[in-house]
All heavy atoms as atom14 arrays in JSON, in Angstrom:
{
  "sequence": "VHGIATAAGCQLVGMCDLAVASSEARFAVSGINV",
  "atom14_mask": [
    [1, 1, 1, 1, 1, 1, 1, 0, 0, 0, 0, 0, 0, 0],
    [1, 1, 1, 1, 1, 1, 1, 1, 1, 1, 0, 0, 0, 0],
    [1, 1, 1, 1, 0, 0, 0, 0, 0, 0, 0, 0, 0, 0],
    [1, 1, 1, 1, 1, 1, 1, 1, 0, 0, 0, 0, 0, 0],
    [1, 1, 1, 1, 1, 0, 0, 0, 0, 0, 0, 0, 0, 0],
    [1, 1, 1, 1, 1, 1, 1, 0, 0, 0, 0, 0, 0, 0],
    [1, 1, 1, 1, 1, 0, 0, 0, 0, 0, 0, 0, 0, 0],
    [1, 1, 1, 1, 1, 0, 0, 0, 0, 0, 0, 0, 0, 0],
    [1, 1, 1, 1, 0, 0, 0, 0, 0, 0, 0, 0, 0, 0],
    [1, 1, 1, 1, 1, 1, 0, 0, 0, 0, 0, 0, 0, 0],
    [1, 1, 1, 1, 1, 1, 1, 1, 1, 0, 0, 0, 0, 0],
    [1, 1, 1, 1, 1, 1, 1, 1, 0, 0, 0, 0, 0, 0],
    [1, 1, 1, 1, 1, 1, 1, 0, 0, 0, 0, 0, 0, 0],
    [1, 1, 1, 1, 0, 0, 0, 0, 0, 0, 0, 0, 0, 0],
    [1, 1, 1, 1, 1, 1, 1, 1, 0, 0, 0, 0, 0, 0],
    [1, 1, 1, 1, 1, 1, 0, 0, 0, 0, 0, 0, 0, 0],
    [1, 1, 1, 1, 1, 1, 1, 1, 0, 0, 0, 0, 0, 0],
    [1, 1, 1, 1, 1, 1, 1, 1, 0, 0, 0, 0, 0, 0],
    [1, 1, 1, 1, 1, 0, 0, 0, 0, 0, 0, 0, 0, 0],
    [1, 1, 1, 1, 1, 1, 1, 0, 0, 0, 0, 0, 0, 0],
    [1, 1, 1, 1, 1, 0, 0, 0, 0, 0, 0, 0, 0, 0],
    [1, 1, 1, 1, 1, 1, 0, 0, 0, 0, 0, 0, 0, 0],
    [1, 1, 1, 1, 1, 1, 0, 0, 0, 0, 0, 0, 0, 0],
    [1, 1, 1, 1, 1, 1, 1, 1, 1, 0, 0, 0, 0, 0],
    [1, 1, 1, 1, 1, 0, 0, 0, 0, 0, 0, 0, 0, 0],
    [1, 1, 1, 1, 1, 1, 1, 1, 1, 1, 1, 0, 0, 0],
    [1, 1, 1, 1, 1, 1, 1, 1, 1, 1, 1, 0, 0, 0],
    [1, 1, 1, 1, 1, 0, 0, 0, 0, 0, 0, 0, 0, 0],
    [1, 1, 1, 1, 1, 1, 1, 0, 0, 0, 0, 0, 0, 0],
    [1, 1, 1, 1, 1, 1, 0, 0, 0, 0, 0, 0, 0, 0],
    [1, 1, 1, 1, 0, 0, 0, 0, 0, 0, 0, 0, 0, 0],
    [1, 1, 1, 1, 1, 1, 1, 1, 0, 0, 0, 0, 0, 0],
    [1, 1, 1, 1, 1, 1, 1, 1, 0, 0, 0, 0, 0, 0],
    [1, 1, 1, 1, 1, 1, 1, 0, 0, 0, 0, 0, 0, 0]
  ],
  "atom14_positions": [
    [[3.44, 7.62, -1.71], [3.76, 6.27, -1.24], [5.24, 5.94, -1.45], [5.75, 6.02, -2.57], [2.9, 5.21, -1.95], [3.07, 3.87, -1.28], [1.43, 5.62, -1.97], [0.0, 0.0, 0.0], [0.0, 0.0, 0.0], [0.0, 0.0, 0.0], [0.0, 0.0, 0.0], [0.0, 0.0, 0.0], [0.0, 0.0, 0.0], [0.0, 0.0, 0.0]],
    [[5.89, 5.55, -0.34], [7.25, 5.05, -0.42], [7.35, 3.84, 0.5], [6.49, 3.61, 1.34], [8.26, 6.14, 0.01], [8.27, 6.37, 1.48], [7.21, 6.96, 2.16], [9.21, 6.08, 2.42], [7.5, 7.03, 3.45], [8.7, 6.51, 3.64], [0.0, 0.0, 0.0], [0.0, 0.0, 0.0], [0.0, 0.0, 0.0], [0.0, 0.0, 0.0]],
    [[8.4, 3.05, 0.34], [8.55, 1.87, 1.19], [7.41, 0.89, 0.96], [7.06, 0.58, -0.18], [0.0, 0.0, 0.0], [0.0, 0.0, 0.0], [0.0, 0.0, 0.0], [0.0, 0.0, 0.0], [0.0, 0.0, 0.0], [0.0, 0.0, 0.0], [0.0, 0.0, 0.0], [0.0, 0.0, 0.0], [0.0, 0.0, 0.0], [0.0, 0.0, 0.0]],
    [[6.84, 0.42, 2.06], [5.74, -0.53, 1.95], [4.39, 0.11, 2.27], [4.31, 1.05, 3.07], [5.96, -1.76, 2.86], [6.03, -1.33, 4.34], [7.17, -2.55, 2.43], [5.97, -2.49, 5.31], [0.0, 0.0, 0.0], [0.0, 0.0, 0.0], [0.0, 0.0, 0.0], [0.0, 0.0, 0.0], [0.0, 0.0, 0.0], [0.0, 0.0, 0.0]],
    [[3.36, -0.4, 1.64], [1.97, -0.08, 1.96], [1.26, -1.41, 2.05], [0.94, -2.03, 1.02], [1.35, 0.81, 0.89], [0.0, 0.0, 0.0], [0.0, 0.0, 0.0], [0.0, 0.0, 0.0], [0.0, 0.0, 0.0], [0.0, 0.0, 0.0], [0.0, 0.0, 0.0], [0.0, 0.0, 0.0], [0.0, 0.0, 0.0], [0.0, 0.0, 0.0]],
    [[1.06, -1.9, 3.27], [0.51, -3.24, 3.45], [-0.79, -3.21, 4.22], [-1.0, -2.35, 5.08], [1.52, -4.15, 4.18], [1.92, -3.55, 5.41], [2.74, -4.39, 3.33], [0.0, 0.0, 0.0], [0.0, 0.0, 0.0], [0.0, 0.0, 0.0], [0.0, 0.0, 0.0], [0.0, 0.0, 0.0], [0.0, 0.0, 0.0], [0.0, 0.0, 0.0]],
    [[-1.67, -4.19, 3.92], [-2.95, -4.36, 4.63], [-3.72, -3.04, 4.66], [-4.03, -2.5, 3.6], [-2.7, -4.94, 6.02], [0.0, 0.0, 0.0], [0.0, 0.0, 0.0], [0.0, 0.0, 0.0], [0.0, 0.0, 0.0], [0.0, 0.0, 0.0], [0.0, 0.0, 0.0], [0.0, 0.0, 0.0], [0.0, 0.0, 0.0], [0.0, 0.0, 0.0]],
    [[-4.02, -2.51, 5.85], [-4.77, -1.26, 5.92], [-3.98, -0.09, 5.34], [-4.57, 0.93, 4.97], [-5.16, -0.96, 7.37], [0.0, 0.0, 0.0], [0.0, 0.0, 0.0], [0.0, 0.0, 0.0], [0.0, 0.0, 0.0], [0.0, 0.0, 0.0], [0.0, 0.0, 0.0], [0.0, 0.0, 0.0], [0.0, 0.0, 0.0], [0.0, 0.0, 0.0]],
    [[-2.65, -0.22, 5.23], [-1.86, 0.8, 4.55], [-2.12, 0.79, 3.06], [-2.2, 1.85, 2.42], [0.0, 0.0, 0.0], [0.0, 0.0, 0.0], [0.0, 0.0, 0.0], [0.0, 0.0, 0.0], [0.0, 0.0, 0.0], [0.0, 0.0, 0.0], [0.0, 0.0, 0.0], [0.0, 0.0, 0.0], [0.0, 0.0, 0.0], [0.0, 0.0, 0.0]],
    [[-2.27, -0.39, 2.49], [-2.66, -0.52, 1.09], [-4.09, -0.01, 0.9], [-4.41, 0.61, -0.11], [-2.53, -1.98, 0.67], [-2.59, -2.27, -1.1], [0.0, 0.0, 0.0], [0.0, 0.0, 0.0], [0.0, 0.0, 0.0], [0.0, 0.0, 0.0], [0.0, 0.0, 0.0], [0.0, 0.0, 0.0], [0.0, 0.0, 0.0], [0.0, 0.0, 0.0]],
    [[-4.93, -0.26, 1.89], [-6.3, 0.26, 1.87], [-6.31, 1.77, 1.83], [-7.1, 2.39, 1.1], [-7.04, -0.25, 3.11], [-8.49, 0.21, 3.23], [-9.12, -0.26, 4.54], [-8.47, -0.88, 5.38], [-10.39, 0.05, 4.74], [0.0, 0.0, 0.0], [0.0, 0.0, 0.0], [0.0, 0.0, 0.0], [0.0, 0.0, 0.0], [0.0, 0.0, 0.0]],
    [[-5.43, 2.41, 2.6], [-5.32, 3.87, 2.59], [-5.0, 4.38, 1.19], [-5.59, 5.36, 0.73], [-4.22, 4.33, 3.56], [-4.6, 4.71, 4.98], [-3.35, 5.12, 5.75], [-5.63, 5.83, 5.01], [0.0, 0.0, 0.0], [0.0, 0.0, 0.0], [0.0, 0.0, 0.0], [0.0, 0.0, 0.0], [0.0, 0.0, 0.0], [0.0, 0.0, 0.0]],
    [[-4.07, 3.72, 0.52], [-3.72, 4.12, -0.84], [-4.96, 4.03, -1.74], [-5.25, 4.93, -2.52], [-2.59, 3.24, -1.4], [-2.29, 3.62, -2.86], [-1.33, 3.4, -0.56], [0.0, 0.0, 0.0], [0.0, 0.0, 0.0], [0.0, 0.0, 0.0], [0.0, 0.0, 0.0], [0.0, 0.0, 0.0], [0.0, 0.0, 0.0], [0.0, 0.0, 0.0]],
    [[-5.69, 2.94, -1.6], [-6.88, 2.73, -2.42], [-7.98, 3.74, -2.15], [-8.76, 4.07, -3.05], [0.0, 0.0, 0.0], [0.0, 0.0, 0.0], [0.0, 0.0, 0.0], [0.0, 0.0, 0.0], [0.0, 0.0, 0.0], [0.0, 0.0, 0.0], [0.0, 0.0, 0.0], [0.0, 0.0, 0.0], [0.0, 0.0, 0.0], [0.0, 0.0, 0.0]],
    [[-8.06, 4.25, -0.94], [-9.12, 5.2, -0.58], [-8.76, 6.64, -0.91], [-9.64, 7.51, -0.95], [-9.46, 5.07, 0.9], [-10.15, 3.77, 1.26], [-11.68, 3.45, 0.34], [-12.74, 4.75, 1.0], [0.0, 0.0, 0.0], [0.0, 0.0, 0.0], [0.0, 0.0, 0.0], [0.0, 0.0, 0.0], [0.0, 0.0, 0.0], [0.0, 0.0, 0.0]],
    [[-7.47, 6.92, -1.14], [-7.1, 8.25, -1.61], [-7.57, 8.42, -3.05], [-7.63, 7.46, -3.82], [-5.59, 8.45, -1.51], [-4.97, 8.61, 0.19], [0.0, 0.0, 0.0], [0.0, 0.0, 0.0], [0.0, 0.0, 0.0], [0.0, 0.0, 0.0], [0.0, 0.0, 0.0], [0.0, 0.0, 0.0], [0.0, 0.0, 0.0], [0.0, 0.0, 0.0]],
    [[-7.88, 9.64, -3.43], [-8.38, 9.89, -4.78], [-7.31, 9.63, -5.84], [-7.61, 9.2, -6.95], [-8.85, 11.35, -4.91], [-9.88, 11.7, -3.85], [-10.92, 11.03, -3.8], [-9.63, 12.65, -3.08], [0.0, 0.0, 0.0], [0.0, 0.0, 0.0], [0.0, 0.0, 0.0], [0.0, 0.0, 0.0], [0.0, 0.0, 0.0], [0.0, 0.0, 0.0]],
    [[-6.07, 9.91, -5.47], [-4.94, 9.78, -6.38], [-3.76, 9.22, -5.61], [-3.72, 9.31, -4.38], [-4.56, 11.14, -6.98], [-5.67, 11.88, -7.74], [-5.35, 13.36, -7.84], [-5.86, 11.28, -9.13], [0.0, 0.0, 0.0], [0.0, 0.0, 0.0], [0.0, 0.0, 0.0], [0.0, 0.0, 0.0], [0.0, 0.0, 0.0], [0.0, 0.0, 0.0]],
    [[-2.78, 8.65, -6.31], [-1.6, 8.12, -5.63], [-0.39, 8.22, -6.53], [-0.44, 7.88, -7.71], [-1.82, 6.67, -5.22], [0.0, 0.0, 0.0], [0.0, 0.0, 0.0], [0.0, 0.0, 0.0], [0.0, 0.0, 0.0], [0.0, 0.0, 0.0], [0.0, 0.0, 0.0], [0.0, 0.0, 0.0], [0.0, 0.0, 0.0], [0.0, 0.0, 0.0]],
    [[0.7, 8.71, -5.93], [1.99, 8.76, -6.6], [2.94, 7.89, -5.79], [3.06, 8.06, -4.57], [2.54, 10.2, -6.69], [3.89, 10.21, -7.39], [1.55, 11.11, -7.43], [0.0, 0.0, 0.0], [0.0, 0.0, 0.0], [0.0, 0.0, 0.0], [0.0, 0.0, 0.0], [0.0, 0.0, 0.0], [0.0, 0.0, 0.0], [0.0, 0.0, 0.0]],
    [[3.62, 6.97, -6.45], [4.47, 6.0, -5.74], [5.91, 6.09, -6.18], [6.21, 6.32, -7.36], [3.95, 4.58, -5.96], [0.0, 0.0, 0.0], [0.0, 0.0, 0.0], [0.0, 0.0, 0.0], [0.0, 0.0, 0.0], [0.0, 0.0, 0.0], [0.0, 0.0, 0.0], [0.0, 0.0, 0.0], [0.0, 0.0, 0.0], [0.0, 0.0, 0.0]],
    [[6.8, 5.9, -5.22], [8.21, 5.68, -5.53], [8.35, 4.35, -6.25], [7.62, 3.39, -5.97], [9.02, 5.66, -4.23], [10.26, 5.02, -4.42], [0.0, 0.0, 0.0], [0.0, 0.0, 0.0], [0.0, 0.0, 0.0], [0.0, 0.0, 0.0], [0.0, 0.0, 0.0], [0.0, 0.0, 0.0], [0.0, 0.0, 0.0], [0.0, 0.0, 0.0]],
    [[9.31, 4.28, -7.17], [9.53, 3.03, -7.9], [9.98, 1.9, -6.98], [9.92, 0.73, -7.35], [10.59, 3.25, -8.99], [11.8, 3.73, -8.43], [0.0, 0.0, 0.0], [0.0, 0.0, 0.0], [0.0, 0.0, 0.0], [0.0, 0.0, 0.0], [0.0, 0.0, 0.0], [0.0, 0.0, 0.0], [0.0, 0.0, 0.0], [0.0, 0.0, 0.0]],
    [[10.41, 2.26, -5.77], [10.84, 1.25, -4.81], [9.71, 0.81, -3.87], [9.92, -0.06, -3.02], [12.01, 1.78, -3.98], [13.27, 2.05, -4.82], [14.41, 2.58, -3.99], [14.19, 2.91, -2.8], [15.53, 2.67, -4.54], [0.0, 0.0, 0.0], [0.0, 0.0, 0.0], [0.0, 0.0, 0.0], [0.0, 0.0, 0.0], [0.0, 0.0, 0.0]],
    [[8.53, 1.41, -4.02], [7.39, 1.06, -3.14], [6.89, -0.34, -3.45], [6.99, -0.83, -4.59], [6.26, 2.07, -3.32], [0.0, 0.0, 0.0], [0.0, 0.0, 0.0], [0.0, 0.0, 0.0], [0.0, 0.0, 0.0], [0.0, 0.0, 0.0], [0.0, 0.0, 0.0], [0.0, 0.0, 0.0], [0.0, 0.0, 0.0], [0.0, 0.0, 0.0]],
    [[6.33, -0.98, -2.42], [5.76, -2.32, -2.57], [4.43, -2.37, -1.85], [4.24, -1.72, -0.81], [6.73, -3.37, -2.02], [8.07, -3.39, -2.72], [9.07, -4.25, -1.99], [8.74, -5.66, -2.12], [8.79, -6.54, -1.12], [9.12, -6.17, 0.11], [8.5, -7.81, -1.35], [0.0, 0.0, 0.0], [0.0, 0.0, 0.0], [0.0, 0.0, 0.0]],
    [[3.51, -3.18, -2.39], [2.14, -3.21, -1.91], [1.7, -4.64, -1.64], [2.0, -5.56, -2.41], [1.2, -2.59, -2.95], [1.58, -1.18, -3.36], [2.59, -0.97, -4.28], [0.92, -0.1, -2.82], [2.95, 0.32, -4.66], [1.26, 1.19, -3.19], [2.28, 1.4, -4.11], [0.0, 0.0, 0.0], [0.0, 0.0, 0.0], [0.0, 0.0, 0.0]],
    [[0.94, -4.84, -0.55], [0.39, -6.16, -0.26], [-0.78, -6.01, 0.7], [-0.87, -5.04, 1.46], [1.45, -7.07, 0.35], [0.0, 0.0, 0.0], [0.0, 0.0, 0.0], [0.0, 0.0, 0.0], [0.0, 0.0, 0.0], [0.0, 0.0, 0.0], [0.0, 0.0, 0.0], [0.0, 0.0, 0.0], [0.0, 0.0, 0.0], [0.0, 0.0, 0.0]],
    [[-1.68, -6.99, 0.66], [-2.72, -7.14, 1.69], [-2.44, -8.49, 2.33], [-2.95, -9.52, 1.93], [-4.14, -7.02, 1.11], [-4.55, -5.57, 0.98], [-4.25, -7.68, -0.26], [0.0, 0.0, 0.0], [0.0, 0.0, 0.0], [0.0, 0.0, 0.0], [0.0, 0.0, 0.0], [0.0, 0.0, 0.0], [0.0, 0.0, 0.0], [0.0, 0.0, 0.0]],
    [[-1.58, -8.46, 3.34], [-0.93, -9.66, 3.83], [-1.55, -10.27, 5.07], [-0.96, -11.17, 5.68], [0.55, -9.34, 4.11], [0.68, -8.13, 4.82], [0.0, 0.0, 0.0], [0.0, 0.0, 0.0], [0.0, 0.0, 0.0], [0.0, 0.0, 0.0], [0.0, 0.0, 0.0], [0.0, 0.0, 0.0], [0.0, 0.0, 0.0], [0.0, 0.0, 0.0]],
    [[-2.74, -9.84, 5.45], [-3.39, -10.41, 6.62], [-3.57, -11.92, 6.53], [-3.48, -12.63, 7.53], [0.0, 0.0, 0.0], [0.0, 0.0, 0.0], [0.0, 0.0, 0.0], [0.0, 0.0, 0.0], [0.0, 0.0, 0.0], [0.0, 0.0, 0.0], [0.0, 0.0, 0.0], [0.0, 0.0, 0.0], [0.0, 0.0, 0.0], [0.0, 0.0, 0.0]],
    [[-3.79, -12.39, 5.31], [-4.02, -13.83, 5.11], [-2.83, -14.65, 5.62], [-2.98, -15.81, 6.03], [-4.28, -14.13, 3.61], [-4.92, -15.51, 3.43], [-3.04, -13.96, 2.78], [-6.33, -15.61, 3.94], [0.0, 0.0, 0.0], [0.0, 0.0, 0.0], [0.0, 0.0, 0.0], [0.0, 0.0, 0.0], [0.0, 0.0, 0.0], [0.0, 0.0, 0.0]],
    [[-1.64, -14.06, 5.65], [-0.44, -14.77, 6.11], [-0.47, -15.06, 7.61], [0.26, -15.93, 8.08], [0.81, -13.97, 5.77], [1.02, -13.84, 4.27], [0.59, -14.68, 3.5], [1.68, -12.77, 3.86], [0.0, 0.0, 0.0], [0.0, 0.0, 0.0], [0.0, 0.0, 0.0], [0.0, 0.0, 0.0], [0.0, 0.0, 0.0], [0.0, 0.0, 0.0]],
    [[-1.3, -14.3, 8.36], [-1.42, -14.53, 9.8], [-2.82, -15.01, 10.16], [-3.27, -14.88, 11.3], [-1.04, -13.26, 10.6], [0.41, -12.9, 10.39], [-1.95, -12.07, 10.25], [0.0, 0.0, 0.0], [0.0, 0.0, 0.0], [0.0, 0.0, 0.0], [0.0, 0.0, 0.0], [0.0, 0.0, 0.0], [0.0, 0.0, 0.0], [0.0, 0.0, 0.0]]
  ]
}
């Protein structure tokens, strides 16, 4: 994971068995904003 992982992208991270992230990565489930 690098950059952003938002909404279904954040879901992808959650569904992977393991995750390694860059310290600059950011996560959100932002559908509620729209």
